[in-house]
Amino acid sequence: MGRVEGKVAFITGAARGQGRSHAVRLAEEGADIIAIDVLEKIPGAPYGPATEEDLAETVRQVEARGRRIVAAKADVRDYDGLGAALDEGVARLGRLDIVCANAGITTQMDPVDQLTEDMWLDMMDVNLNGVWRTCKAAVPHLRAGGRGGSIILTSSAAGLKPFANVGHYVAAKHGLVGLMRTLATELGAESIRVNSVHPTNVDTAMIHTDRLYRRFRPDLENPTREDMAEAAVHLHLLPIPWVDPVDISNAVLFLASEEARFITGVALPVDAGLTAK
């Protein structure tokens, strides 16, 4: 216990899924949390949005671990709103040490030449531009603390290898690797470390949609979660269909902690061997 004791972490997309898991795991190890989520439907996303009740549950779970949390509705597509929410959190909690740029979406799956311009731009504005905005807003607070810090960008296995029919997602997630390495280069002299995590499929609402089930099991008329699992296991070297959110949170915790104090500019797969296969 106490691997990030006394630190403050800013987490985007924190109302549920990986974001909530990151908030709870860091709180278990001593961090206070600044949490934001858009709480609105994103165009083209094949799953429902997180809700105010979801964000309230994140607050409840963090507070149940004895930590403070400042939570707000904010959109990574809106730099002013994002920055205001972060500024308020830092003012109330007194510092910033860890940034988890986690917010991301999936949308329509089609070959690149069949994607609409709106589909492409919506993906970029959340998954790439939104991460840039998050870092732009956070870096001044990290600098002001004079203690260094850790920035962790949530990319994907699709940030390290291509997949058909999700070219906009692949492009955005590859772009995060370039952003991560550039930030690591620019901020290293100030002891601000920047790394990315690259999950395989994670057991959240993002992957459990009828559309994705049919992509994995086109041989079935109405495939189920279990049907997808039978196919998804073949993506990996390890015999599992997907990982749990806490598996990504444990990697985030490691990169945020002093155990990783000399690790920067690294793209870390948490993918059951997908990118090695």
Protein backbone atom coordinates (compact mmCIF):
# COMPACT_ATOMS: atom_id res chain seq x y z
CA MET A 1 0.00 0.00 0.00
CA GLY A 2 0.99 3.62 -0.45
CA ARG A 3 2.81 3.42 -3.78
CA VAL A 4 1.43 6.85 -4.78
CA GLU A 5 0.71 8.13 -1.28
CA GLY A 6 -0.04 11.85 -1.10
CA LYS A 7 -0.08 12.37 -4.86
CA VAL A 8 -2.91 13.72 -7.01
CA ALA A 9 -3.95 12.07 -10.26
CA PHE A 10 -6.00 13.59 -13.08
CA ILE A 11 -8.03 10.99 -14.99
CA THR A 12 -10.13 11.58 -18.10
CA GLY A 13 -13.01 9.26 -18.99
CA ALA A 14 -13.28 8.38 -15.30
CA ALA A 15 -16.99 7.62 -14.95
CA ARG A 16 -16.72 3.91 -15.74
CA GLY A 17 -14.58 1.24 -17.39
CA GLN A 18 -10.83 1.69 -17.39
CA GLY A 19 -11.05 5.26 -16.10
CA ARG A 20 -12.98 4.29 -12.99
CA SER A 21 -10.66 1.35 -12.45
CA HIS A 22 -7.62 3.65 -12.65
CA ALA A 23 -9.19 6.04 -10.14
CA VAL A 24 -9.96 3.29 -7.66
CA ARG A 25 -6.60 1.54 -8.03
CA LEU A 26 -4.62 4.76 -7.57
CA ALA A 27 -6.82 5.68 -4.59
CA GLU A 28 -6.11 2.30 -3.03
CA GLU A 29 -2.43 3.21 -3.19
CA GLY A 30 -2.85 6.64 -1.62
CA ALA A 31 -3.65 9.11 -4.42
CA ASP A 32 -6.36 11.74 -4.46
CA ILE A 33 -8.23 12.03 -7.75
CA ILE A 34 -9.42 14.67 -10.20
CA ALA A 35 -11.96 12.90 -12.43
CA ILE A 36 -13.75 14.10 -15.54
CA ASP A 37 -16.06 12.52 -18.09
CA VAL A 38 -18.11 13.85 -20.99
CA LEU A 39 -21.36 12.16 -19.85
CA GLU A 40 -22.85 12.63 -23.31
CA LYS A 41 -23.37 10.50 -26.39
CA ILE A 42 -20.43 10.66 -28.80
CA PRO A 43 -21.46 10.63 -32.48
CA GLY A 44 -21.10 7.18 -33.99
CA ALA A 45 -20.25 5.36 -30.77
CA PRO A 46 -22.14 2.03 -30.73
CA TYR A 47 -22.66 2.06 -26.95
CA GLY A 48 -24.45 4.36 -24.54
CA PRO A 49 -22.65 7.18 -22.76
CA ALA A 50 -21.52 7.19 -19.18
CA THR A 51 -24.02 8.90 -16.89
CA GLU A 52 -23.95 11.23 -13.90
CA GLU A 53 -24.78 8.17 -11.81
CA ASP A 54 -21.71 6.41 -13.21
CA LEU A 55 -19.47 9.32 -12.23
CA ALA A 56 -21.10 9.44 -8.79
CA GLU A 57 -20.24 5.76 -8.38
CA THR A 58 -16.60 6.51 -9.17
CA VAL A 59 -16.71 9.20 -6.48
CA ARG A 60 -18.26 6.77 -4.02
CA GLN A 61 -15.65 4.08 -4.67
CA VAL A 62 -12.72 6.49 -4.32
CA GLU A 63 -14.10 7.96 -1.12
CA ALA A 64 -14.69 4.45 0.23
CA ARG A 65 -10.90 4.02 0.00
CA GLY A 66 -10.43 7.06 2.21
CA ARG A 67 -9.24 9.40 -0.52
CA ARG A 68 -10.46 12.76 -1.78
CA ILE A 69 -11.90 13.22 -5.25
CA VAL A 70 -13.02 16.21 -7.31
CA ALA A 71 -15.28 15.08 -10.15
CA ALA A 72 -16.76 17.15 -12.97
CA LYS A 73 -18.50 16.88 -16.31
CA ALA A 74 -15.99 17.96 -18.95
CA ASP A 75 -15.19 17.08 -22.55
CA VAL A 76 -11.68 16.47 -23.90
CA ARG A 77 -12.89 18.08 -27.15
CA ASP A 78 -13.32 21.38 -25.26
CA TYR A 79 -9.96 22.74 -24.10
CA ASP A 80 -11.42 25.58 -22.03
CA GLY A 81 -13.86 23.35 -20.17
CA LEU A 82 -11.25 20.65 -19.65
CA GLY A 83 -8.74 23.17 -18.35
CA ALA A 84 -11.26 24.78 -16.01
CA ALA A 85 -12.16 21.42 -14.48
CA LEU A 86 -8.49 20.58 -13.97
CA ASP A 87 -7.72 24.01 -12.52
CA GLU A 88 -10.56 23.60 -10.03
CA GLY A 89 -9.35 20.17 -9.02
CA VAL A 90 -5.78 21.34 -8.48
CA ALA A 91 -7.01 24.35 -6.49
CA ARG A 92 -9.01 22.07 -4.19
CA LEU A 93 -6.49 19.25 -3.84
CA GLY A 94 -3.36 21.38 -3.87
CA ARG A 95 -1.14 19.74 -6.50
CA LEU A 96 -0.88 17.52 -9.57
CA ASP A 97 1.50 14.59 -9.97
CA ILE A 98 -0.08 11.99 -12.29
CA VAL A 99 -2.00 12.39 -15.55
CA CYS A 100 -3.99 9.50 -17.00
CA ALA A 101 -5.17 10.54 -20.45
CA ASN A 102 -7.66 7.70 -20.71
CA ALA A 103 -10.74 9.08 -22.49
CA GLY A 104 -11.34 7.41 -25.84
CA ILE A 105 -14.01 6.07 -28.16
CA THR A 106 -14.69 3.51 -30.84
CA THR A 107 -17.07 4.23 -33.70
CA GLN A 108 -18.20 2.73 -37.00
CA MET A 109 -16.01 -0.07 -38.39
CA ASP A 110 -15.43 0.26 -42.13
CA PRO A 111 -12.56 0.19 -44.63
CA VAL A 112 -10.67 3.49 -44.73
CA ASP A 113 -12.11 4.51 -48.10
CA GLN A 114 -15.65 4.02 -46.77
CA LEU A 115 -15.28 6.10 -43.61
CA THR A 116 -17.07 9.43 -43.69
CA GLU A 117 -15.17 12.61 -42.96
CA ASP A 118 -17.24 13.10 -39.80
CA MET A 119 -16.35 9.61 -38.57
CA TRP A 120 -12.65 10.29 -39.13
CA LEU A 121 -12.72 13.71 -37.48
CA ASP A 122 -14.79 12.60 -34.47
CA MET A 123 -12.30 9.82 -33.80
CA MET A 124 -9.30 12.13 -34.05
CA ASP A 125 -10.89 14.83 -31.93
CA VAL A 126 -11.36 12.49 -28.97
CA ASN A 127 -8.64 9.86 -29.25
CA LEU A 128 -5.74 12.04 -30.42
CA ASN A 129 -6.62 15.72 -30.11
CA GLY A 130 -8.32 15.11 -26.76
CA VAL A 131 -5.17 13.54 -25.35
CA TRP A 132 -3.10 16.46 -26.63
CA ARG A 133 -5.53 18.88 -24.95
CA THR A 134 -5.30 16.89 -21.72
CA CYS A 135 -1.51 17.09 -21.73
CA LYS A 136 -1.49 20.77 -22.74
CA ALA A 137 -3.74 21.60 -19.77
CA ALA A 138 -1.83 19.41 -17.32
CA VAL A 139 1.82 20.17 -18.05
CA PRO A 140 1.79 23.67 -16.52
CA HIS A 141 0.47 22.22 -13.25
CA LEU A 142 3.15 19.51 -13.23
CA ARG A 143 5.82 22.14 -13.88
CA ALA A 144 4.45 24.42 -11.18
CA GLY A 145 4.84 21.66 -8.61
CA GLY A 146 8.54 21.31 -9.30
CA ARG A 147 8.43 17.65 -8.29
CA GLY A 148 8.38 16.06 -11.74
CA GLY A 149 5.48 13.77 -12.49
CA SER A 150 4.12 10.96 -14.63
CA ILE A 151 1.90 11.20 -17.70
CA ILE A 152 0.33 7.99 -18.98
CA LEU A 153 -1.44 7.97 -22.33
CA THR A 154 -3.95 5.21 -23.04
CA SER A 155 -3.26 3.97 -26.55
CA SER A 156 -4.08 0.44 -27.72
CA ALA A 157 -2.59 -2.65 -29.26
CA ALA A 158 -3.89 -0.87 -32.37
CA GLY A 159 -1.29 1.79 -31.65
CA LEU A 160 1.43 -0.77 -32.33
CA LYS A 161 0.01 -2.85 -35.18
CA PRO A 162 -2.67 -2.40 -37.85
CA PHE A 163 -6.16 -3.85 -37.89
CA ALA A 164 -8.52 -3.77 -40.84
CA ASN A 165 -11.74 -1.74 -40.81
CA VAL A 166 -10.69 0.59 -37.97
CA GLY A 167 -8.16 2.76 -39.79
CA HIS A 168 -9.26 5.95 -38.02
CA TYR A 169 -8.81 4.27 -34.63
CA VAL A 170 -5.45 2.77 -35.64
CA ALA A 171 -4.21 6.13 -36.93
CA ALA A 172 -5.24 7.96 -33.75
CA LYS A 173 -3.70 5.37 -31.46
CA HIS A 174 -0.46 5.27 -33.48
CA GLY A 175 -0.41 9.06 -33.24
CA LEU A 176 -0.40 8.81 -29.45
CA VAL A 177 2.93 6.99 -29.59
CA GLY A 178 4.49 9.91 -31.44
CA LEU A 179 2.92 12.38 -29.02
CA MET A 180 4.15 10.35 -26.04
CA ARG A 181 7.72 10.15 -27.31
CA THR A 182 7.79 13.85 -28.12
CA LEU A 183 6.48 14.82 -24.69
CA ALA A 184 9.00 12.49 -23.04
CA THR A 185 11.76 14.24 -24.97
CA GLU A 186 10.51 17.73 -24.14
CA LEU A 187 9.79 17.13 -20.45
CA GLY A 188 12.51 14.73 -19.36
CA ALA A 189 14.85 17.43 -18.05
CA GLU A 190 12.09 18.43 -15.61
CA SER A 191 11.70 14.85 -14.34
CA ILE A 192 8.29 14.54 -15.95
CA ARG A 193 8.03 11.03 -17.36
CA VAL A 194 5.69 10.20 -20.24
CA ASN A 195 4.70 6.68 -21.30
CA SER A 196 1.82 4.94 -23.06
CA VAL A 197 -0.09 1.75 -22.31
CA HIS A 198 -1.39 -0.46 -25.10
CA PRO A 199 -4.26 -2.75 -24.07
CA THR A 200 -5.78 -5.55 -26.04
CA ASN A 201 -9.58 -5.85 -25.75
CA VAL A 202 -10.65 -4.85 -22.25
CA ASP A 203 -13.81 -6.19 -20.63
CA THR A 204 -15.83 -2.94 -20.71
CA ALA A 205 -18.92 -1.62 -22.48
CA MET A 206 -16.74 -0.47 -25.38
CA ILE A 207 -16.23 -4.00 -26.71
CA HIS A 208 -19.55 -5.55 -25.73
CA THR A 209 -21.72 -4.39 -28.60
CA ASP A 210 -23.76 -6.34 -31.12
CA ARG A 211 -21.71 -4.81 -33.93
CA LEU A 212 -18.39 -6.03 -32.54
CA TYR A 213 -19.84 -9.45 -31.73
CA ARG A 214 -20.82 -9.77 -35.38
CA ARG A 215 -17.35 -8.71 -36.52
CA PHE A 216 -15.83 -11.52 -34.49
CA ARG A 217 -18.53 -14.07 -35.34
CA PRO A 218 -19.91 -13.34 -38.82
CA ASP A 219 -20.86 -17.00 -39.01
CA LEU A 220 -23.64 -16.50 -36.44
CA GLU A 221 -26.89 -14.59 -36.82
CA ASN A 222 -27.07 -13.33 -33.24
CA PRO A 223 -23.67 -13.86 -31.59
CA THR A 224 -23.33 -13.42 -27.83
CA ARG A 225 -20.58 -12.39 -25.44
CA GLU A 226 -19.62 -16.04 -25.12
CA ASP A 227 -19.47 -16.45 -28.90
CA MET A 228 -17.15 -13.46 -29.20
CA ALA A 229 -14.95 -14.86 -26.43
CA GLU A 230 -14.45 -18.08 -28.39
CA ALA A 231 -13.08 -16.08 -31.32
CA ALA A 232 -11.23 -13.37 -29.40
CA VAL A 233 -9.03 -15.86 -27.57
CA HIS A 234 -7.24 -16.55 -30.86
CA LEU A 235 -5.88 -12.99 -30.92
CA HIS A 236 -3.52 -13.75 -28.06
CA LEU A 237 -0.59 -15.90 -27.03
CA LEU A 238 -2.16 -16.32 -23.60
CA PRO A 239 -5.44 -18.29 -23.56
CA ILE A 240 -7.84 -15.44 -22.72
CA PRO A 241 -10.35 -13.44 -24.81
CA TRP A 242 -9.76 -10.10 -23.10
CA VAL A 243 -8.19 -8.53 -20.03
CA ASP A 244 -9.90 -6.87 -17.07
CA PRO A 245 -9.78 -3.10 -16.46
CA VAL A 246 -7.65 -3.63 -13.36
CA ASP A 247 -4.95 -5.25 -15.50
CA ILE A 248 -4.50 -1.91 -17.25
CA SER A 249 -4.82 -0.04 -13.96
CA ASN A 250 -1.96 -2.06 -12.48
CA ALA A 251 0.26 -0.99 -15.39
CA VAL A 252 -0.84 2.63 -14.92
CA LEU A 253 -0.07 2.41 -11.21
CA PHE A 254 3.40 1.02 -11.91
CA LEU A 255 4.18 3.79 -14.41
CA ALA A 256 2.87 6.42 -11.97
CA SER A 257 4.89 5.10 -9.03
CA GLU A 258 8.50 5.52 -7.98
CA GLU A 259 9.08 1.93 -9.10
CA ALA A 260 9.13 3.34 -12.64
CA ARG A 261 11.12 6.46 -11.77
CA PHE A 262 13.58 5.96 -14.63
CA ILE A 263 11.08 4.72 -17.23
CA THR A 264 10.05 7.24 -19.86
CA GLY A 265 9.29 7.22 -23.57
CA VAL A 266 8.06 3.62 -23.39
CA ALA A 267 5.09 2.04 -25.18
CA LEU A 268 3.98 -0.73 -22.80
CA PRO A 269 1.71 -3.47 -24.18
CA VAL A 270 -0.78 -5.06 -21.79
CA ASP A 271 -2.13 -7.36 -24.44
CA ALA A 272 -1.78 -11.05 -23.53
CA GLY A 273 0.77 -11.35 -26.33
CA LEU A 274 -1.37 -9.90 -29.12
CA THR A 275 1.36 -7.68 -30.55
CA ALA A 276 3.93 -10.47 -30.32
CA LYS A 277 1.78 -12.96 -32.22
